[in-house]
N, C-alpha and C. Protein backbone atom coordinates (compact mmCIF):
# COMPACT_ATOMS: atom_id res chain seq x y z
N MET A 1 98.46 82.96 155.55
CA MET A 1 98.63 81.66 156.19
C MET A 1 97.32 80.86 156.13
N GLN A 2 96.19 81.55 156.33
CA GLN A 2 94.90 80.86 156.30
C GLN A 2 94.67 80.22 154.94
N GLY A 3 95.03 80.94 153.88
CA GLY A 3 94.87 80.40 152.53
C GLY A 3 95.72 79.17 152.32
N ARG A 4 96.93 79.19 152.83
CA ARG A 4 97.84 78.05 152.69
C ARG A 4 97.33 76.85 153.49
N LEU A 5 96.76 77.12 154.67
CA LEU A 5 96.21 76.04 155.49
C LEU A 5 95.02 75.39 154.79
N THR A 6 94.18 76.20 154.18
CA THR A 6 93.05 75.67 153.42
C THR A 6 93.54 74.83 152.25
N GLU A 7 94.60 75.27 151.61
CA GLU A 7 95.18 74.51 150.49
C GLU A 7 95.72 73.16 150.97
N ILE A 8 96.37 73.16 152.12
CA ILE A 8 96.90 71.91 152.69
C ILE A 8 95.75 70.95 153.00
N GLN A 9 94.69 71.47 153.59
CA GLN A 9 93.54 70.62 153.93
C GLN A 9 92.90 70.03 152.68
N THR A 10 92.84 70.81 151.61
CA THR A 10 92.29 70.32 150.35
C THR A 10 93.17 69.22 149.77
N GLN A 11 94.48 69.43 149.83
CA GLN A 11 95.41 68.41 149.32
C GLN A 11 95.31 67.13 150.14
N LEU A 12 95.23 67.26 151.44
CA LEU A 12 95.14 66.08 152.30
C LEU A 12 93.84 65.31 152.04
N ALA A 13 92.78 66.01 151.72
CA ALA A 13 91.50 65.35 151.43
C ALA A 13 91.61 64.46 150.19
N GLN A 14 92.56 64.77 149.32
CA GLN A 14 92.73 64.01 148.08
C GLN A 14 93.73 62.86 148.22
N GLN A 15 94.52 62.87 149.28
CA GLN A 15 95.49 61.80 149.50
C GLN A 15 94.82 60.68 150.28
N THR A 16 95.26 59.45 150.03
CA THR A 16 94.74 58.33 150.81
C THR A 16 95.87 57.52 151.41
N LEU A 17 95.56 56.91 152.53
CA LEU A 17 96.48 56.01 153.23
C LEU A 17 95.74 54.71 153.47
N THR A 18 96.38 53.59 153.21
CA THR A 18 95.78 52.28 153.45
C THR A 18 96.63 51.52 154.45
N VAL A 19 95.97 50.99 155.47
CA VAL A 19 96.64 50.23 156.52
C VAL A 19 95.96 48.87 156.63
N ALA A 20 96.77 47.83 156.80
CA ALA A 20 96.24 46.47 156.93
C ALA A 20 96.45 45.96 158.36
N SER A 21 95.57 45.07 158.77
CA SER A 21 95.74 44.38 160.05
C SER A 21 95.44 42.90 159.82
N GLY A 22 95.87 42.09 160.76
CA GLY A 22 95.64 40.65 160.64
C GLY A 22 96.34 40.05 159.45
N GLY A 23 97.54 40.53 159.17
CA GLY A 23 98.28 39.98 158.03
C GLY A 23 97.63 40.29 156.69
N GLY A 24 96.91 41.41 156.63
CA GLY A 24 96.28 41.81 155.38
C GLY A 24 94.83 41.34 155.25
N MET A 25 94.31 40.70 156.28
CA MET A 25 92.93 40.22 156.22
C MET A 25 91.93 41.37 156.20
N VAL A 26 92.31 42.50 156.83
CA VAL A 26 91.45 43.68 156.85
C VAL A 26 92.29 44.88 156.44
N GLN A 27 91.73 45.71 155.55
CA GLN A 27 92.41 46.93 155.13
C GLN A 27 91.47 48.11 155.32
N ALA A 28 92.01 49.18 155.86
CA ALA A 28 91.24 50.42 156.03
C ALA A 28 91.94 51.51 155.23
N THR A 29 91.17 52.24 154.44
CA THR A 29 91.70 53.36 153.67
C THR A 29 91.05 54.63 154.18
N VAL A 30 91.89 55.62 154.50
CA VAL A 30 91.41 56.92 154.95
C VAL A 30 92.02 57.99 154.06
N ASP A 31 91.37 59.16 154.06
CA ASP A 31 92.00 60.27 153.36
C ASP A 31 92.95 60.97 154.33
N GLY A 32 93.64 61.98 153.87
CA GLY A 32 94.63 62.67 154.69
C GLY A 32 94.04 63.41 155.87
N ARG A 33 92.72 63.54 155.92
CA ARG A 33 92.06 64.16 157.06
C ARG A 33 91.60 63.12 158.07
N GLY A 34 91.79 61.83 157.75
CA GLY A 34 91.40 60.76 158.67
C GLY A 34 90.01 60.22 158.43
N HIS A 35 89.32 60.71 157.40
CA HIS A 35 87.97 60.20 157.10
C HIS A 35 88.07 58.85 156.40
N ILE A 36 87.31 57.89 156.86
CA ILE A 36 87.34 56.55 156.29
C ILE A 36 86.77 56.59 154.87
N ARG A 37 87.50 56.02 153.94
CA ARG A 37 87.06 55.97 152.55
C ARG A 37 86.71 54.56 152.10
N ALA A 38 87.34 53.55 152.72
CA ALA A 38 87.04 52.17 152.32
C ALA A 38 87.50 51.20 153.41
N ILE A 39 86.79 50.10 153.49
CA ILE A 39 87.16 48.97 154.35
C ILE A 39 87.10 47.74 153.46
N LYS A 40 88.18 46.97 153.44
CA LYS A 40 88.18 45.72 152.67
C LYS A 40 88.47 44.58 153.63
N ILE A 41 87.67 43.53 153.50
CA ILE A 41 87.81 42.35 154.37
C ILE A 41 87.99 41.13 153.49
N ASP A 42 89.05 40.39 153.75
CA ASP A 42 89.32 39.15 153.02
C ASP A 42 88.21 38.16 153.36
N PRO A 43 87.59 37.53 152.35
CA PRO A 43 86.51 36.57 152.61
C PRO A 43 86.92 35.47 153.59
N GLN A 44 88.19 35.14 153.63
CA GLN A 44 88.66 34.11 154.55
C GLN A 44 88.46 34.54 156.00
N ALA A 45 88.55 35.84 156.27
CA ALA A 45 88.35 36.33 157.64
C ALA A 45 86.91 36.12 158.09
N VAL A 46 85.99 36.23 157.15
CA VAL A 46 84.57 36.05 157.47
C VAL A 46 84.24 34.56 157.63
N SER A 47 84.85 33.73 156.82
CA SER A 47 84.54 32.30 156.85
C SER A 47 84.99 31.63 158.15
N GLN A 48 85.90 32.26 158.86
CA GLN A 48 86.37 31.68 160.12
C GLN A 48 85.30 31.75 161.21
N GLY A 49 84.34 32.63 161.04
CA GLY A 49 83.23 32.72 161.99
C GLY A 49 83.53 33.41 163.30
N ASP A 50 84.72 33.95 163.47
CA ASP A 50 85.08 34.63 164.71
C ASP A 50 84.80 36.12 164.56
N VAL A 51 83.58 36.51 164.85
CA VAL A 51 83.14 37.90 164.66
C VAL A 51 83.95 38.85 165.55
N GLU A 52 84.21 38.44 166.77
CA GLU A 52 84.95 39.30 167.68
C GLU A 52 86.36 39.60 167.14
N MET A 53 87.02 38.60 166.60
CA MET A 53 88.35 38.81 166.02
C MET A 53 88.26 39.77 164.84
N LEU A 54 87.24 39.59 163.99
CA LEU A 54 87.06 40.46 162.83
C LEU A 54 86.82 41.90 163.27
N GLU A 55 86.01 42.09 164.29
CA GLU A 55 85.76 43.43 164.81
C GLU A 55 87.06 44.07 165.31
N ASP A 56 87.87 43.30 166.00
CA ASP A 56 89.16 43.79 166.50
C ASP A 56 90.09 44.18 165.36
N LEU A 57 90.11 43.37 164.30
CA LEU A 57 90.96 43.66 163.15
C LEU A 57 90.53 44.94 162.44
N VAL A 58 89.21 45.11 162.29
CA VAL A 58 88.70 46.33 161.65
C VAL A 58 89.06 47.55 162.51
N LEU A 59 88.84 47.45 163.80
CA LEU A 59 89.15 48.55 164.71
C LEU A 59 90.64 48.89 164.67
N ALA A 60 91.49 47.88 164.67
CA ALA A 60 92.94 48.12 164.64
C ALA A 60 93.35 48.81 163.34
N ALA A 61 92.82 48.37 162.22
CA ALA A 61 93.18 48.96 160.93
C ALA A 61 92.71 50.41 160.84
N VAL A 62 91.49 50.67 161.27
CA VAL A 62 90.95 52.03 161.22
C VAL A 62 91.74 52.95 162.15
N ALA A 63 92.00 52.51 163.36
CA ALA A 63 92.73 53.33 164.33
C ALA A 63 94.12 53.69 163.81
N GLU A 64 94.83 52.71 163.26
CA GLU A 64 96.18 52.96 162.76
C GLU A 64 96.14 53.89 161.54
N ALA A 65 95.18 53.70 160.66
CA ALA A 65 95.07 54.56 159.47
C ALA A 65 94.77 56.00 159.90
N GLN A 66 93.89 56.19 160.85
CA GLN A 66 93.57 57.54 161.31
C GLN A 66 94.77 58.17 162.03
N LYS A 67 95.52 57.36 162.77
CA LYS A 67 96.73 57.85 163.44
C LYS A 67 97.73 58.34 162.41
N ARG A 68 97.94 57.57 161.36
CA ARG A 68 98.89 57.97 160.32
C ARG A 68 98.42 59.22 159.58
N ALA A 69 97.12 59.34 159.37
CA ALA A 69 96.59 60.54 158.72
C ALA A 69 96.83 61.77 159.59
N ALA A 70 96.65 61.63 160.90
CA ALA A 70 96.90 62.74 161.82
C ALA A 70 98.37 63.14 161.81
N GLU A 71 99.26 62.16 161.74
CA GLU A 71 100.70 62.43 161.67
C GLU A 71 101.04 63.17 160.37
N LEU A 72 100.41 62.78 159.28
CA LEU A 72 100.62 63.44 157.99
C LEU A 72 100.16 64.89 158.07
N TYR A 73 98.99 65.11 158.65
CA TYR A 73 98.46 66.47 158.81
C TYR A 73 99.40 67.32 159.65
N GLN A 74 99.85 66.79 160.77
CA GLN A 74 100.74 67.53 161.65
C GLN A 74 102.05 67.88 160.96
N ALA A 75 102.58 66.96 160.17
CA ALA A 75 103.82 67.22 159.44
C ALA A 75 103.63 68.37 158.45
N GLU A 76 102.49 68.39 157.77
CA GLU A 76 102.23 69.46 156.80
C GLU A 76 102.06 70.81 157.50
N VAL A 77 101.37 70.83 158.63
CA VAL A 77 101.19 72.08 159.37
C VAL A 77 102.52 72.56 159.94
N ARG A 78 103.36 71.65 160.39
CA ARG A 78 104.68 72.04 160.88
C ARG A 78 105.50 72.70 159.77
N LYS A 79 105.42 72.15 158.56
CA LYS A 79 106.14 72.76 157.44
C LYS A 79 105.67 74.19 157.22
N LEU A 80 104.36 74.38 157.30
CA LEU A 80 103.78 75.70 157.11
C LEU A 80 104.23 76.64 158.22
N ALA A 81 104.15 76.19 159.46
CA ALA A 81 104.48 77.03 160.61
C ALA A 81 105.98 77.30 160.73
N SER A 82 106.81 76.41 160.21
CA SER A 82 108.26 76.59 160.36
C SER A 82 108.76 77.82 159.64
N GLY A 83 108.06 78.29 158.64
CA GLY A 83 108.48 79.48 157.91
C GLY A 83 107.97 80.77 158.50
N LEU A 84 107.24 80.69 159.62
CA LEU A 84 106.67 81.89 160.21
C LEU A 84 107.40 82.26 161.50
N PRO A 85 107.61 83.54 161.73
CA PRO A 85 108.34 83.99 162.93
C PRO A 85 107.44 84.12 164.16
N PHE A 86 107.09 83.00 164.79
CA PHE A 86 106.28 83.03 166.01
C PHE A 86 107.20 83.02 167.23
N PRO A 87 106.88 83.81 168.26
CA PRO A 87 107.70 83.79 169.48
C PRO A 87 107.35 82.59 170.38
N PHE A 88 106.42 81.76 169.93
CA PHE A 88 106.00 80.59 170.69
C PHE A 88 105.67 79.47 169.70
N GLN A 89 105.57 78.27 170.20
CA GLN A 89 105.26 77.13 169.34
C GLN A 89 103.75 76.95 169.26
N LEU A 90 103.25 76.74 168.04
CA LEU A 90 101.82 76.51 167.87
C LEU A 90 101.43 75.14 168.34
N PRO A 91 100.29 75.02 169.03
CA PRO A 91 99.83 73.69 169.43
C PRO A 91 99.28 72.95 168.21
N LEU A 92 99.64 71.69 168.05
CA LEU A 92 99.18 70.90 166.91
C LEU A 92 98.26 69.81 167.36
């Protein structure tokens, strides 16, 4: 099981998820482990001069991308655990 879990973690590190906020003005890309790989900001978002709004958009995109990565990880671990005869449910 440990070997399979390591394999899943390696695969997730190679997958990416991209989430946009502000109608696509900010995009955050994370790997399947939730590590941030890229942030893209539309130049129009910067030209508006509202730094606080831009900060909120970046935070929203990163938070949602990391949430989706965690959900992906949990789904993969559930698949692994579903084939094992445990008398209790594993905490995820």
